[in-house]
Amino acid sequence: MRIGIDIDDTLTDINEELENAALEYATRLGKNHVKGTTNLVDKNDGNIYQVRYGFTYDELKYFLKDIQESITNKAIPRENAKETISKLRKAGNEIYIVTARDLEFYL
């Protein structure tokens, strides 16, 4: 069997750190949390931060390319992730580590 495992908030737990970083960045920019945006669904495209804090396109691009990428690059695996993946591989499964990145923000 082929199994795809996402990195962000599956293998790692970075959501809270990203939320804190977005708030800190917005605060540095003098932006306030936009009312009515606390229950937004994250579509993993960065739009949630743009809507929540009113980031311009360039501000969002900086956040995703520099701040978010720095956080994800330092993320450590969740407890037992390595062991679980090893067991799946030993059972004959093909493991694919995947992530979603919008190339628009990383070029």
C-alpha atoms as a PDB file:
ATOM      1  CA  MET A   1       0.000   0.000   0.000  1.00  0.00           C
ATOM      2  CA  ARG A   2       1.134   3.564  -0.679  1.00  0.00           C
ATOM      3  CA  ILE A   3       0.658   5.932   2.224  1.00  0.00           C
ATOM      4  CA  GLY A   4       1.075   9.697   2.013  1.00  0.00           C
ATOM      5  CA  ILE A   5       1.732  11.531   5.255  1.00  0.00           C
ATOM      6  CA  ASP A   6       1.531  15.315   5.461  1.00  0.00           C
ATOM      7  CA  ILE A   7       4.229  17.209   7.315  1.00  0.00           C
ATOM      8  CA  ASP A   8       2.454  20.273   8.732  1.00  0.00           C
ATOM      9  CA  ASP A   9       0.225  19.422  11.690  1.00  0.00           C
ATOM     10  CA  THR A  10       0.382  15.702  10.970  1.00  0.00           C
ATOM     11  CA  LEU A  11       4.003  14.706  11.421  1.00  0.00           C
ATOM     12  CA  THR A  12       4.676  17.950  13.252  1.00  0.00           C
ATOM     13  CA  ASP A  13       2.653  20.185  15.526  1.00  0.00           C
ATOM     14  CA  ILE A  14       3.206  23.762  14.368  1.00  0.00           C
ATOM     15  CA  ASN A  15      -0.267  25.282  14.168  1.00  0.00           C
ATOM     16  CA  GLU A  16      -0.078  27.151  17.470  1.00  0.00           C
ATOM     17  CA  GLU A  17       3.410  28.439  16.677  1.00  0.00           C
ATOM     18  CA  LEU A  18       2.227  29.667  13.264  1.00  0.00           C
ATOM     19  CA  GLU A  19      -0.794  31.378  14.803  1.00  0.00           C
ATOM     20  CA  ASN A  20       1.430  33.125  17.347  1.00  0.00           C
ATOM     21  CA  ALA A  21       3.903  34.154  14.637  1.00  0.00           C
ATOM     22  CA  ALA A  22       1.107  35.554  12.454  1.00  0.00           C
ATOM     23  CA  LEU A  23      -0.263  37.573  15.368  1.00  0.00           C
ATOM     24  CA  GLU A  24       3.211  38.884  16.241  1.00  0.00           C
ATOM     25  CA  TYR A  25       3.872  39.823  12.611  1.00  0.00           C
ATOM     26  CA  ALA A  26       0.492  41.541  12.319  1.00  0.00           C
ATOM     27  CA  THR A  27       1.168  43.457  15.526  1.00  0.00           C
ATOM     28  CA  ARG A  28       4.543  44.632  14.196  1.00  0.00           C
ATOM     29  CA  LEU A  29       2.746  45.858  11.080  1.00  0.00           C
ATOM     30  CA  GLY A  30       0.162  47.669  13.197  1.00  0.00           C
ATOM     31  CA  LYS A  31      -2.660  45.437  11.987  1.00  0.00           C
ATOM     32  CA  ASN A  32      -5.552  44.303  14.123  1.00  0.00           C
ATOM     33  CA  HIS A  33      -7.390  41.014  14.099  1.00  0.00           C
ATOM     34  CA  VAL A  34     -10.326  41.397  11.706  1.00  0.00           C
ATOM     35  CA  LYS A  35     -13.626  40.832  13.527  1.00  0.00           C
ATOM     36  CA  GLY A  36     -15.580  37.726  12.612  1.00  0.00           C
ATOM     37  CA  THR A  37     -12.558  35.765  11.406  1.00  0.00           C
ATOM     38  CA  THR A  38     -11.788  33.551  14.411  1.00  0.00           C
ATOM     39  CA  ASN A  39     -13.614  30.491  13.076  1.00  0.00           C
ATOM     40  CA  LEU A  40     -12.176  30.463   9.568  1.00  0.00           C
ATOM     41  CA  VAL A  41     -11.240  27.138   8.027  1.00  0.00           C
ATOM     42  CA  ASP A  42      -7.584  26.954   7.025  1.00  0.00           C
ATOM     43  CA  LYS A  43      -7.357  25.797   3.411  1.00  0.00           C
ATOM     44  CA  ASN A  44      -3.567  25.577   3.712  1.00  0.00           C
ATOM     45  CA  ASP A  45      -3.057  28.402   1.231  1.00  0.00           C
ATOM     46  CA  GLY A  46      -2.169  31.249   3.582  1.00  0.00           C
ATOM     47  CA  ASN A  47      -5.439  32.994   2.864  1.00  0.00           C
ATOM     48  CA  ILE A  48      -6.550  32.527   6.463  1.00  0.00           C
ATOM     49  CA  TYR A  49      -3.803  34.890   7.628  1.00  0.00           C
ATOM     50  CA  GLN A  50      -4.547  37.411   4.910  1.00  0.00           C
ATOM     51  CA  VAL A  51      -8.213  37.485   5.870  1.00  0.00           C
ATOM     52  CA  ARG A  52      -7.647  37.335   9.634  1.00  0.00           C
ATOM     53  CA  TYR A  53      -5.110  40.164   9.754  1.00  0.00           C
ATOM     54  CA  GLY A  54      -5.700  42.060   6.532  1.00  0.00           C
ATOM     55  CA  PHE A  55      -2.241  41.309   5.147  1.00  0.00           C
ATOM     56  CA  THR A  56      -1.506  42.740   1.737  1.00  0.00           C
ATOM     57  CA  TYR A  57      -0.266  40.310  -0.902  1.00  0.00           C
ATOM     58  CA  ASP A  58       3.364  41.298  -0.233  1.00  0.00           C
ATOM     59  CA  GLU A  59       2.935  40.982   3.534  1.00  0.00           C
ATOM     60  CA  LEU A  60       1.384  37.547   3.114  1.00  0.00           C
ATOM     61  CA  LYS A  61       4.171  36.485   0.766  1.00  0.00           C
ATOM     62  CA  TYR A  62       6.793  37.548   3.313  1.00  0.00           C
ATOM     63  CA  PHE A  63       4.972  35.739   6.114  1.00  0.00           C
ATOM     64  CA  LEU A  64       4.650  32.500   4.166  1.00  0.00           C
ATOM     65  CA  LYS A  65       8.070  32.508   2.529  1.00  0.00           C
ATOM     66  CA  ASP A  66      10.174  33.704   5.442  1.00  0.00           C
ATOM     67  CA  ILE A  67       8.380  33.365   8.763  1.00  0.00           C
ATOM     68  CA  GLN A  68       6.324  30.224   8.126  1.00  0.00           C
ATOM     69  CA  GLU A  69       9.156  28.497   6.309  1.00  0.00           C
ATOM     70  CA  SER A  70      11.526  29.205   9.195  1.00  0.00           C
ATOM     71  CA  ILE A  71       9.064  27.633  11.633  1.00  0.00           C
ATOM     72  CA  THR A  72       8.414  24.570   9.472  1.00  0.00           C
ATOM     73  CA  ASN A  73      12.127  24.017   8.874  1.00  0.00           C
ATOM     74  CA  LYS A  74      12.725  23.805  12.633  1.00  0.00           C
ATOM     75  CA  ALA A  75       9.693  21.649  13.418  1.00  0.00           C
ATOM     76  CA  ILE A  76      10.310  18.388  15.203  1.00  0.00           C
ATOM     77  CA  PRO A  77       8.256  15.228  14.616  1.00  0.00           C
ATOM     78  CA  ARG A  78       5.370  14.427  16.908  1.00  0.00           C
ATOM     79  CA  GLU A  79       5.935  11.809  19.562  1.00  0.00           C
ATOM     80  CA  ASN A  80       6.056   8.284  18.073  1.00  0.00           C
ATOM     81  CA  ALA A  81       5.908   9.548  14.471  1.00  0.00           C
ATOM     82  CA  LYS A  82       9.250   7.988  13.533  1.00  0.00           C
ATOM     83  CA  GLU A  83       8.396   4.679  15.155  1.00  0.00           C
ATOM     84  CA  THR A  84       4.973   4.552  13.512  1.00  0.00           C
ATOM     85  CA  ILE A  85       6.397   5.240  10.064  1.00  0.00           C
ATOM     86  CA  SER A  86       9.063   2.570  10.617  1.00  0.00           C
ATOM     87  CA  LYS A  87       6.375   0.019  11.511  1.00  0.00           C
ATOM     88  CA  LEU A  88       4.379   0.919   8.420  1.00  0.00           C
ATOM     89  CA  ARG A  89       7.473   0.500   6.212  1.00  0.00           C
ATOM     90  CA  LYS A  90       8.397  -2.825   7.817  1.00  0.00           C
ATOM     91  CA  ALA A  91       4.851  -4.009   7.077  1.00  0.00           C
ATOM     92  CA  GLY A  92       5.621  -3.459   3.385  1.00  0.00           C
ATOM     93  CA  ASN A  93       4.002  -0.086   2.822  1.00  0.00           C
ATOM     94  CA  GLU A  94       5.499   2.653   0.657  1.00  0.00           C
ATOM     95  CA  ILE A  95       5.654   5.879   2.642  1.00  0.00           C
ATOM     96  CA  TYR A  96       5.503   9.274   0.956  1.00  0.00           C
ATOM     97  CA  ILE A  97       6.058  12.425   2.975  1.00  0.00           C
ATOM     98  CA  VAL A  98       4.033  15.224   1.390  1.00  0.00           C
ATOM     99  CA  THR A  99       3.293  18.875   1.937  1.00  0.00           C
ATOM    100  CA  ALA A 100       1.338  21.610   0.220  1.00  0.00           C
ATOM    101  CA  ARG A 101       3.146  24.791  -0.722  1.00  0.00           C
ATOM    102  CA  ASP A 102       1.757  27.362  -3.115  1.00  0.00           C
ATOM    103  CA  LEU A 103       4.681  28.054  -5.439  1.00  0.00           C
ATOM    104  CA  GLU A 104       3.355  31.557  -5.978  1.00  0.00           C
ATOM    105  CA  PHE A 105       4.687  32.478  -2.542  1.00  0.00           C
ATOM    106  CA  TYR A 106       7.991  30.644  -2.691  1.00  0.00           C
ATOM    107  CA  LEU A 107       9.559  31.918  -5.925  1.00  0.00           C
END
